[in-house]
Amino acid sequence: MSSFTKPITGIVLGAGWRGKVYAAFAKRHPERWKVVGVAEPRPWHRQDLQSTYDIPAENVFSDWREVLDKPRLADVAVITMQDAMHVEPAVEMARKAAFGSHGQSRRTARSSPCAT
């Protein structure tokens, strides 16, 4: 039994393998998590996530930086791109948090920086 009243909405920044794995939680638990946006430079991966999660065209981006210019799209931004690429989007999404939305890197979500 879930105590959630509505699912957390998220935009996936990086729609490769890792992004698809994290997004898949929405299929298993739609009452808890809903993918409402995607930012991915590779068209096939971007379109795959868009069609799988019924993401409206206005919430589909080829570059995560485009998200910064939009009003708040989701409760969270899930940064699933390559590890070496996490810093810039994490910092910029944190800055955007001061204006009403926030980002979450899977690395910062862990309790220990050494956890795998």
C-alpha atoms as a PDB file:
ATOM      1  CA  MET A   1       0.000   0.000   0.000  1.00  0.00           C
ATOM      2  CA  SER A   2       1.429   3.352  -1.027  1.00  0.00           C
ATOM      3  CA  SER A   3       1.027   6.558   0.923  1.00  0.00           C
ATOM      4  CA  PHE A   4       1.804   8.698  -2.124  1.00  0.00           C
ATOM      5  CA  THR A   5      -0.989  10.960  -3.284  1.00  0.00           C
ATOM      6  CA  LYS A   6       0.591  11.741  -6.644  1.00  0.00           C
ATOM      7  CA  PRO A   7       3.753  10.568  -8.386  1.00  0.00           C
ATOM      8  CA  ILE A   8       6.984  12.540  -8.328  1.00  0.00           C
ATOM      9  CA  THR A   9       7.595  13.948 -11.796  1.00  0.00           C
ATOM     10  CA  GLY A  10      11.041  13.907 -13.351  1.00  0.00           C
ATOM     11  CA  ILE A  11      13.008  14.883 -16.403  1.00  0.00           C
ATOM     12  CA  VAL A  12      15.739  12.446 -17.419  1.00  0.00           C
ATOM     13  CA  LEU A  13      19.004  14.096 -18.481  1.00  0.00           C
ATOM     14  CA  GLY A  14      20.664  11.378 -20.541  1.00  0.00           C
ATOM     15  CA  ALA A  15      18.560   8.671 -22.186  1.00  0.00           C
ATOM     16  CA  GLY A  16      21.182   5.983 -22.677  1.00  0.00           C
ATOM     17  CA  TRP A  17      21.292   2.713 -20.752  1.00  0.00           C
ATOM     18  CA  ARG A  18      21.442   4.348 -17.306  1.00  0.00           C
ATOM     19  CA  GLY A  19      18.627   6.773 -18.091  1.00  0.00           C
ATOM     20  CA  LYS A  20      16.429   3.970 -19.350  1.00  0.00           C
ATOM     21  CA  VAL A  21      17.092   1.904 -16.230  1.00  0.00           C
ATOM     22  CA  TYR A  22      16.142   4.764 -13.924  1.00  0.00           C
ATOM     23  CA  ALA A  23      13.125   5.696 -16.048  1.00  0.00           C
ATOM     24  CA  ALA A  24      11.902   2.081 -15.966  1.00  0.00           C
ATOM     25  CA  PHE A  25      10.967   2.587 -12.317  1.00  0.00           C
ATOM     26  CA  ALA A  26       8.042   4.633 -13.664  1.00  0.00           C
ATOM     27  CA  LYS A  27       6.671   1.578 -15.481  1.00  0.00           C
ATOM     28  CA  ARG A  28       6.897  -0.575 -12.364  1.00  0.00           C
ATOM     29  CA  HIS A  29       5.648   2.105  -9.953  1.00  0.00           C
ATOM     30  CA  PRO A  30       3.496   4.666 -11.810  1.00  0.00           C
ATOM     31  CA  GLU A  31       1.968   5.769  -8.516  1.00  0.00           C
ATOM     32  CA  ARG A  32       5.428   6.943  -7.347  1.00  0.00           C
ATOM     33  CA  TRP A  33       7.349   8.214 -10.401  1.00  0.00           C
ATOM     34  CA  LYS A  34       6.376   9.754 -13.740  1.00  0.00           C
ATOM     35  CA  VAL A  35       8.822  10.676 -16.502  1.00  0.00           C
ATOM     36  CA  VAL A  36       7.631  13.973 -17.996  1.00  0.00           C
ATOM     37  CA  GLY A  37      10.709  15.096 -19.929  1.00  0.00           C
ATOM     38  CA  VAL A  38      13.957  13.987 -21.535  1.00  0.00           C
ATOM     39  CA  ALA A  39      17.166  15.692 -22.654  1.00  0.00           C
ATOM     40  CA  GLU A  40      19.434  13.579 -24.857  1.00  0.00           C
ATOM     41  CA  PRO A  41      21.672  14.524 -27.823  1.00  0.00           C
ATOM     42  CA  ARG A  42      21.240  11.186 -29.663  1.00  0.00           C
ATOM     43  CA  PRO A  43      17.917  11.247 -31.566  1.00  0.00           C
ATOM     44  CA  TRP A  44      17.145   7.524 -31.348  1.00  0.00           C
ATOM     45  CA  HIS A  45      17.590   7.358 -27.572  1.00  0.00           C
ATOM     46  CA  ARG A  46      15.668  10.604 -27.072  1.00  0.00           C
ATOM     47  CA  GLN A  47      12.765   9.437 -29.252  1.00  0.00           C
ATOM     48  CA  ASP A  48      12.725   6.011 -27.615  1.00  0.00           C
ATOM     49  CA  LEU A  49      12.272   7.502 -24.136  1.00  0.00           C
ATOM     50  CA  GLN A  50       9.733   9.997 -25.481  1.00  0.00           C
ATOM     51  CA  SER A  51       7.545   7.292 -27.002  1.00  0.00           C
ATOM     52  CA  THR A  52       7.954   4.829 -24.118  1.00  0.00           C
ATOM     53  CA  TYR A  53       6.788   7.369 -21.519  1.00  0.00           C
ATOM     54  CA  ASP A  54       4.415   9.430 -23.657  1.00  0.00           C
ATOM     55  CA  ILE A  55       6.461  12.607 -23.154  1.00  0.00           C
ATOM     56  CA  PRO A  56       4.975  15.678 -24.867  1.00  0.00           C
ATOM     57  CA  ALA A  57       7.147  17.205 -27.611  1.00  0.00           C
ATOM     58  CA  GLU A  58       7.556  20.458 -25.672  1.00  0.00           C
ATOM     59  CA  ASN A  59       9.392  18.505 -22.928  1.00  0.00           C
ATOM     60  CA  VAL A  60      11.898  16.803 -25.263  1.00  0.00           C
ATOM     61  CA  PHE A  61      15.335  18.386 -25.656  1.00  0.00           C
ATOM     62  CA  SER A  62      18.530  17.565 -27.531  1.00  0.00           C
ATOM     63  CA  ASP A  63      20.661  19.316 -24.881  1.00  0.00           C
ATOM     64  CA  TRP A  64      20.111  19.458 -21.118  1.00  0.00           C
ATOM     65  CA  ARG A  65      20.967  23.192 -21.157  1.00  0.00           C
ATOM     66  CA  GLU A  66      17.698  23.862 -22.987  1.00  0.00           C
ATOM     67  CA  VAL A  67      15.854  22.771 -19.841  1.00  0.00           C
ATOM     68  CA  LEU A  68      17.368  25.702 -17.938  1.00  0.00           C
ATOM     69  CA  ASP A  69      15.517  28.167 -20.173  1.00  0.00           C
ATOM     70  CA  LYS A  70      12.131  26.627 -19.472  1.00  0.00           C
ATOM     71  CA  PRO A  71       9.814  27.080 -16.520  1.00  0.00           C
ATOM     72  CA  ARG A  72       9.796  24.267 -14.020  1.00  0.00           C
ATOM     73  CA  LEU A  73       8.947  21.067 -15.886  1.00  0.00           C
ATOM     74  CA  ALA A  74       9.195  18.510 -13.112  1.00  0.00           C
ATOM     75  CA  ASP A  75       9.778  17.912  -9.433  1.00  0.00           C
ATOM     76  CA  VAL A  76      13.284  16.565 -10.118  1.00  0.00           C
ATOM     77  CA  ALA A  77      15.915  16.302 -12.827  1.00  0.00           C
ATOM     78  CA  VAL A  78      17.583  12.896 -12.831  1.00  0.00           C
ATOM     79  CA  ILE A  79      21.120  13.199 -14.165  1.00  0.00           C
ATOM     80  CA  THR A  80      21.924   9.889 -15.846  1.00  0.00           C
ATOM     81  CA  MET A  81      24.564  10.896 -18.352  1.00  0.00           C
ATOM     82  CA  GLN A  82      28.149   9.659 -18.139  1.00  0.00           C
ATOM     83  CA  ASP A  83      29.734  10.167 -14.712  1.00  0.00           C
ATOM     84  CA  ALA A  84      32.376  12.588 -16.011  1.00  0.00           C
ATOM     85  CA  MET A  85      29.564  14.800 -17.328  1.00  0.00           C
ATOM     86  CA  HIS A  86      27.563  15.123 -14.066  1.00  0.00           C
ATOM     87  CA  VAL A  87      29.159  18.218 -12.548  1.00  0.00           C
ATOM     88  CA  GLU A  88      27.936  20.946 -14.889  1.00  0.00           C
ATOM     89  CA  PRO A  89      24.278  19.851 -15.040  1.00  0.00           C
ATOM     90  CA  ALA A  90      24.232  19.169 -11.286  1.00  0.00           C
ATOM     91  CA  VAL A  91      25.558  22.668 -10.524  1.00  0.00           C
ATOM     92  CA  GLU A  92      23.234  24.368 -12.999  1.00  0.00           C
ATOM     93  CA  MET A  93      20.170  22.426 -11.830  1.00  0.00           C
ATOM     94  CA  ALA A  94      21.066  23.310  -8.235  1.00  0.00           C
ATOM     95  CA  ARG A  95      21.207  26.969  -9.243  1.00  0.00           C
ATOM     96  CA  LYS A  96      17.823  26.623 -10.873  1.00  0.00           C
ATOM     97  CA  ALA A  97      16.578  25.114  -7.600  1.00  0.00           C
ATOM     98  CA  ALA A  98      16.829  28.537  -6.025  1.00  0.00           C
ATOM     99  CA  PHE A  99      14.048  29.528  -8.419  1.00  0.00           C
ATOM    100  CA  GLY A 100      11.620  26.721  -7.712  1.00  0.00           C
ATOM    101  CA  SER A 101      12.940  23.463  -9.154  1.00  0.00           C
ATOM    102  CA  HIS A 102      15.818  21.174  -8.381  1.00  0.00           C
ATOM    103  CA  GLY A 103      18.129  18.553  -9.812  1.00  0.00           C
ATOM    104  CA  GLN A 104      19.286  15.283  -8.367  1.00  0.00           C
ATOM    105  CA  SER A 105      22.327  13.378  -9.515  1.00  0.00           C
ATOM    106  CA  ARG A 106      22.206   9.664  -8.772  1.00  0.00           C
ATOM    107  CA  ARG A 107      25.646  10.052  -7.142  1.00  0.00           C
ATOM    108  CA  THR A 108      24.492  12.763  -4.711  1.00  0.00           C
ATOM    109  CA  ALA A 109      21.420  10.712  -3.825  1.00  0.00           C
ATOM    110  CA  ARG A 110      23.531   8.043  -2.176  1.00  0.00           C
ATOM    111  CA  SER A 111      24.348   7.995   1.490  1.00  0.00           C
ATOM    112  CA  SER A 112      28.067   7.380   0.875  1.00  0.00           C
ATOM    113  CA  PRO A 113      30.262   8.715  -1.922  1.00  0.00           C
ATOM    114  CA  CYS A 114      32.009   5.326  -1.972  1.00  0.00           C
ATOM    115  CA  ALA A 115      28.826   3.300  -2.422  1.00  0.00           C
ATOM    116  CA  THR A 116      28.421   1.431  -5.692  1.00  0.00           C
END
